[in-house]
Amino acid sequence: MVLDSSKTYKSLKKKGFVDAPGDHKFLHYYHDGRFVLSTKISHGGAHDLDDLLIKKMATQCKLNKEDFIDLVNCPLSKEEYTQKLIASGMVG
């Protein structure tokens, strides 16, 4: 399984992730104005995210690989993602 990095980036932005300042492509996720987590995404031309990078990003986003893929491909909504973070104790 591979994911297109630009599609992943756009999808995460739609789910509430915001660009972090700096040279590298980090996305931060906030809930009610409070920082929750950060993930790094490959950037540049036509980069694909391989299985290893998908697993790393999933871990950074506090999801399993399948849920992360659903987050990127849109079956998992922003609200459902937030509920998963609440259930895991990441947000209150």
Foldseek 3Di string as FASTA:
>chain_A
DKAWQVLQVVLVVQLAWDADDDDFGKTWHDDPNHTQFIAGTDDDDGDIHDPVNLQRRCVRLVHGSVVSVCSSVPPQHSVNSVVVCVVVVSDD
